[in-house]
């Protein structure tokens, strides 16, 4: 309690008016009940009682580190150096590209933004931060595991952008295990179907050879199959070897 009092006295200096009001017992029933829970046993209660265990005191400061460490070199490095120091690459072609792209960017307190006329400036992210941002929007606590276009629109509404945002979002979502497990199974053929017209029976035939398969009775390993396009009648014969004599005999 002395630590809380010391912290309270330090914070009170920053306020013009400081007042302590005593709460009456009728308005403090909830706090009194919570304070007595430590001396009670819950075996006789039929309903569940959720008790939060506070392991860290509110007066202790927590050290927060960055969730994603930024990379030293990325595609933004030459642009930031040009906007900050006016430095250009040795290659004349690359230097010309940076000069043409520079008016599209804004450097504010070491952070690179993309200028916008009708909306807020969008903050650029390096590759490591970009992938973490995509996973948070796609697989986060309030995410819907939506497609890459919806994820990109949400990221831009949050105020972030980078040149390869669509390609990176599609690549990350393609590797999502939940999307692969719960995705709709497409029943459409992978290749366009080619209709074959047959005016009468035995007008068109198709013959194919399948195999080799594991050896069966008699040492047969191959299968000769023929089908009529009109009646869809199938003829099949197991063969031990494939030769012109065997196929002529099958036909």
Protein backbone atom coordinates (compact mmCIF):
# COMPACT_ATOMS: atom_id res chain seq x y z
CA UNK A 1 0.00 0.00 0.00
CA UNK A 2 2.92 2.34 0.59
CA UNK A 3 4.05 1.80 -3.02
CA UNK A 4 0.58 2.63 -4.29
CA UNK A 5 0.52 5.76 -2.11
CA UNK A 6 3.90 6.86 -3.43
CA UNK A 7 2.78 6.39 -7.03
CA UNK A 8 -0.43 8.29 -6.30
CA UNK A 9 1.49 11.23 -4.87
CA UNK A 10 3.74 11.35 -7.94
CA UNK A 11 0.76 11.38 -10.32
CA UNK A 12 -1.15 13.98 -8.26
CA UNK A 13 1.49 16.63 -9.07
CA UNK A 14 0.47 16.60 -12.75
CA UNK A 15 -3.17 17.57 -11.99
CA UNK A 16 -4.50 21.04 -11.14
CA UNK A 17 -7.24 19.61 -8.91
CA UNK A 18 -6.92 16.48 -6.82
CA UNK A 19 -9.73 15.18 -4.59
CA UNK A 20 -10.34 11.93 -2.70
CA UNK A 21 -13.95 10.85 -2.20
CA UNK A 22 -14.97 8.13 0.22
CA UNK A 23 -17.28 5.53 -1.30
CA UNK A 24 -20.20 4.54 0.89
CA UNK A 25 -20.67 0.91 1.91
CA UNK A 26 -23.88 0.58 -0.13
CA UNK A 27 -22.00 1.43 -3.32
CA UNK A 28 -19.03 -0.77 -2.54
CA UNK A 29 -20.74 -4.17 -2.27
CA UNK A 30 -19.07 -5.59 -5.35
CA UNK A 31 -15.57 -4.73 -4.14
CA UNK A 32 -16.32 -6.11 -0.67
CA UNK A 33 -17.57 -9.38 -2.13
CA UNK A 34 -14.47 -9.80 -4.26
CA UNK A 35 -12.22 -9.09 -1.30
CA UNK A 36 -13.87 -11.89 0.72
CA UNK A 37 -13.54 -14.54 -2.01
CA UNK A 38 -10.00 -15.35 -0.89
CA UNK A 39 -11.27 -16.69 2.47
CA UNK A 40 -14.10 -18.78 0.99
CA UNK A 41 -14.24 -22.29 -0.43
CA UNK A 42 -16.20 -22.95 -3.62
CA UNK A 43 -17.10 -26.62 -3.04
CA UNK A 44 -20.67 -25.82 -2.00
CA UNK A 45 -21.38 -23.63 -5.05
CA UNK A 46 -23.27 -25.32 -7.89
CA UNK A 47 -22.44 -22.68 -10.51
CA UNK A 48 -18.98 -21.91 -11.74
CA UNK A 49 -17.29 -18.79 -10.41
CA UNK A 50 -14.58 -17.30 -12.57
CA UNK A 51 -11.75 -15.81 -10.54
CA UNK A 52 -8.98 -13.86 -12.29
CA UNK A 53 -5.50 -14.36 -10.92
CA UNK A 54 -3.41 -11.19 -11.19
CA UNK A 55 0.26 -12.14 -11.19
CA UNK A 56 1.71 -8.66 -11.84
CA UNK A 57 0.96 -5.58 -9.77
CA UNK A 58 -0.46 -2.58 -11.58
CA UNK A 59 2.32 -0.32 -10.27
CA UNK A 60 5.04 -2.42 -11.93
CA UNK A 61 5.97 -1.34 -15.44
CA UNK A 62 6.15 -3.99 -18.16
CA UNK A 63 8.91 -3.98 -20.74
CA UNK A 64 7.41 -4.25 -24.22
CA UNK A 65 9.59 -5.30 -27.14
CA UNK A 66 8.85 -5.04 -30.83
CA UNK A 67 6.82 -7.96 -32.17
CA UNK A 68 8.66 -7.93 -35.51
CA UNK A 69 12.23 -6.78 -35.87
CA UNK A 70 12.89 -4.65 -38.93
CA UNK A 71 15.45 -5.76 -41.46
CA UNK A 72 18.53 -3.64 -42.11
CA UNK A 73 18.37 -3.67 -45.91
CA UNK A 74 15.22 -3.76 -48.03
CA UNK A 75 13.75 -2.19 -51.15
CA UNK A 76 13.02 0.98 -49.11
CA UNK A 77 16.67 1.60 -48.19
CA UNK A 78 17.76 3.51 -51.35
CA UNK A 79 14.56 5.59 -51.32
CA UNK A 80 14.96 6.49 -47.65
CA UNK A 81 18.61 7.42 -48.20
CA UNK A 82 17.67 9.65 -51.15
CA UNK A 83 14.89 11.44 -49.27
CA UNK A 84 16.98 11.77 -46.13
CA UNK A 85 20.48 12.49 -47.43
CA UNK A 86 20.07 12.89 -51.21
CA UNK A 87 22.26 9.83 -51.86
CA UNK A 88 21.81 7.91 -55.12
CA UNK A 89 23.12 4.53 -56.33
CA UNK A 90 26.17 4.38 -58.57
CA UNK A 91 24.17 2.81 -61.41
CA UNK A 92 22.68 5.60 -63.52
CA UNK A 93 19.60 3.55 -64.45
CA UNK A 94 18.75 2.80 -60.82
CA UNK A 95 19.43 6.41 -59.84
CA UNK A 96 17.02 7.63 -62.53
CA UNK A 97 14.32 5.24 -61.30
CA UNK A 98 14.67 6.48 -57.72
CA UNK A 99 14.43 10.12 -58.86
CA UNK A 100 11.22 9.35 -60.74
CA UNK A 101 9.68 7.46 -57.79
CA UNK A 102 10.77 9.86 -55.05
CA UNK A 103 7.83 12.33 -55.46
CA UNK A 104 5.42 9.46 -54.63
CA UNK A 105 6.96 8.98 -51.16
CA UNK A 106 7.03 10.95 -47.94
CA UNK A 107 9.59 10.49 -45.14
CA UNK A 108 8.33 11.56 -41.71
CA UNK A 109 10.39 10.84 -38.55
CA UNK A 110 12.23 8.02 -40.29
CA UNK A 111 8.99 6.33 -41.49
CA UNK A 112 8.27 6.02 -45.20
CA UNK A 113 4.73 6.78 -46.42
CA UNK A 114 2.96 6.61 -49.74
CA UNK A 115 1.33 9.89 -50.69
CA UNK A 116 -2.39 9.92 -51.41
CA UNK A 117 -4.63 12.68 -52.76
CA UNK A 118 -8.03 11.39 -51.68
CA UNK A 119 -7.09 9.43 -48.56
CA UNK A 120 -4.57 9.24 -45.73
CA UNK A 121 -0.92 8.47 -46.36
CA UNK A 122 -0.18 4.75 -46.29
CA UNK A 123 2.80 3.50 -44.31
CA UNK A 124 5.23 1.22 -46.11
CA UNK A 125 6.30 -2.04 -44.45
CA UNK A 126 9.44 -4.08 -45.00
CA UNK A 127 9.12 -7.76 -46.08
CA UNK A 128 9.24 -9.18 -42.53
CA UNK A 129 6.58 -6.81 -41.20
CA UNK A 130 4.47 -7.32 -44.34
CA UNK A 131 4.17 -11.10 -43.85
CA UNK A 132 3.35 -10.66 -40.17
CA UNK A 133 0.67 -8.09 -41.09
CA UNK A 134 -0.91 -10.43 -43.64
CA UNK A 135 -1.05 -13.33 -41.16
CA UNK A 136 -2.60 -11.12 -38.48
CA UNK A 137 -5.34 -9.86 -40.83
CA UNK A 138 -5.95 -13.29 -42.39
CA UNK A 139 -5.54 -15.62 -39.40
CA UNK A 140 -5.86 -13.23 -36.44
CA UNK A 141 -8.37 -13.21 -33.61
CA UNK A 142 -11.11 -11.40 -35.57
CA UNK A 143 -10.17 -12.69 -39.04
CA UNK A 144 -12.46 -14.54 -41.45
CA UNK A 145 -9.78 -16.41 -43.48
CA UNK A 146 -10.94 -14.51 -46.54
CA UNK A 147 -9.29 -14.24 -49.97
CA UNK A 148 -6.24 -12.17 -50.82
CA UNK A 149 -8.20 -9.27 -52.33
CA UNK A 150 -10.27 -8.84 -49.16
CA UNK A 151 -7.15 -9.10 -47.00
CA UNK A 152 -5.38 -6.44 -49.10
CA UNK A 153 -8.34 -4.05 -48.84
CA UNK A 154 -8.38 -4.48 -45.03
CA UNK A 155 -4.63 -3.84 -44.80
CA UNK A 156 -4.95 -0.66 -46.86
CA UNK A 157 -7.84 0.53 -44.69
CA UNK A 158 -5.58 0.04 -41.68
CA UNK A 159 -3.07 2.40 -43.31
CA UNK A 160 -0.38 0.06 -44.68
CA UNK A 161 0.90 -0.60 -48.19
CA UNK A 162 3.90 -2.01 -50.11
CA UNK A 163 4.45 -2.66 -53.83
CA UNK A 164 4.07 -6.46 -53.78
CA UNK A 165 1.10 -6.53 -51.41
CA UNK A 166 -1.19 -8.54 -53.72
CA UNK A 167 1.46 -11.13 -54.60
CA UNK A 168 2.59 -11.55 -50.98
CA UNK A 169 -1.00 -11.90 -49.72
CA UNK A 170 -1.80 -14.57 -52.31
CA UNK A 171 1.40 -16.47 -51.44
CA UNK A 172 0.73 -16.44 -47.67
CA UNK A 173 -2.94 -17.39 -48.03
CA UNK A 174 -2.05 -20.23 -50.41
CA UNK A 175 -0.01 -21.83 -47.60
CA UNK A 176 -2.74 -21.41 -44.94
CA UNK A 177 -3.59 -24.85 -43.51
CA UNK A 178 -7.11 -23.85 -42.36
CA UNK A 179 -8.01 -22.59 -45.83
CA UNK A 180 -6.83 -25.84 -47.39
CA UNK A 181 -8.82 -27.97 -44.93
CA UNK A 182 -12.10 -26.05 -45.15
CA UNK A 183 -11.99 -24.85 -48.76
CA UNK A 184 -14.79 -25.83 -51.13
CA UNK A 185 -13.99 -28.83 -53.31
CA UNK A 186 -14.32 -27.87 -56.97
CA UNK A 187 -16.10 -30.49 -59.06
CA UNK A 188 -15.43 -28.79 -62.37
CA UNK A 189 -12.98 -30.56 -64.70
CA UNK A 190 -9.44 -29.26 -64.69
CA UNK A 191 -9.38 -29.08 -68.48
CA UNK A 192 -12.19 -28.01 -70.84
CA UNK A 193 -14.20 -30.97 -72.03
CA UNK A 194 -14.09 -31.66 -75.78
CA UNK A 195 -17.33 -33.15 -77.13
CA UNK A 196 -16.94 -35.93 -79.70
CA UNK A 197 -19.90 -36.44 -82.03
CA UNK A 198 -20.60 -39.98 -83.25
CA UNK A 199 -23.59 -40.34 -85.62
CA UNK A 200 -24.00 -44.15 -85.37
CA UNK A 201 -22.61 -47.12 -83.40
CA UNK A 202 -19.03 -48.20 -84.15
CA UNK A 203 -18.38 -45.02 -86.14
CA UNK A 204 -15.59 -43.89 -83.79
CA UNK A 205 -13.43 -46.02 -81.57
CA UNK A 206 -10.75 -45.23 -79.03
CA UNK A 207 -8.03 -47.71 -78.07
CA UNK A 208 -5.49 -47.26 -75.27
CA UNK A 209 -2.93 -49.34 -73.40
CA UNK A 210 -2.68 -49.14 -69.61
CA UNK A 211 0.19 -50.38 -67.47
CA UNK A 212 2.46 -51.86 -66.45
CA UNK A 213 0.60 -53.03 -63.34
CA UNK A 214 1.72 -55.54 -60.66
CA UNK A 215 1.88 -59.00 -62.22
CA UNK A 216 -1.39 -60.90 -61.98
CA UNK A 217 -2.36 -64.52 -62.65
CA UNK A 218 -0.57 -65.72 -65.76
CA UNK A 219 1.97 -62.89 -65.57
CA UNK A 220 -0.33 -60.29 -67.15
CA UNK A 221 0.88 -56.71 -66.58
CA UNK A 222 -0.85 -54.62 -69.22
CA UNK A 223 -4.45 -53.82 -70.17
CA UNK A 224 -5.75 -53.03 -73.65
CA UNK A 225 -8.97 -50.99 -73.56
CA UNK A 226 -11.31 -50.02 -76.41
CA UNK A 227 -14.47 -47.90 -76.20
CA UNK A 228 -17.20 -46.99 -78.67
CA UNK A 229 -18.10 -43.28 -78.56
CA UNK A 230 -21.78 -43.83 -79.50
CA UNK A 231 -22.84 -46.64 -77.14
CA UNK A 232 -19.99 -46.11 -74.59
CA UNK A 233 -19.39 -49.87 -74.79
CA UNK A 234 -16.05 -50.87 -73.25
CA UNK A 235 -13.90 -53.88 -74.16
CA UNK A 236 -10.79 -54.72 -72.11
CA UNK A 237 -8.26 -57.55 -72.29
CA UNK A 238 -5.28 -58.25 -69.97
CA UNK A 239 -2.00 -58.83 -71.81
CA UNK A 240 1.31 -60.27 -70.75
CA UNK A 241 3.35 -58.26 -73.25
CA UNK A 242 2.66 -55.45 -75.67
CA UNK A 243 3.24 -56.21 -79.36
CA UNK A 244 1.62 -55.52 -82.69
CA UNK A 245 0.39 -59.13 -82.91
CA UNK A 246 -1.33 -58.86 -79.50
CA UNK A 247 -3.07 -55.59 -80.43
CA UNK A 248 -4.23 -56.95 -83.82
CA UNK A 249 -5.61 -60.02 -82.07
CA UNK A 250 -7.39 -57.78 -79.52
CA UNK A 251 -8.98 -55.64 -82.27
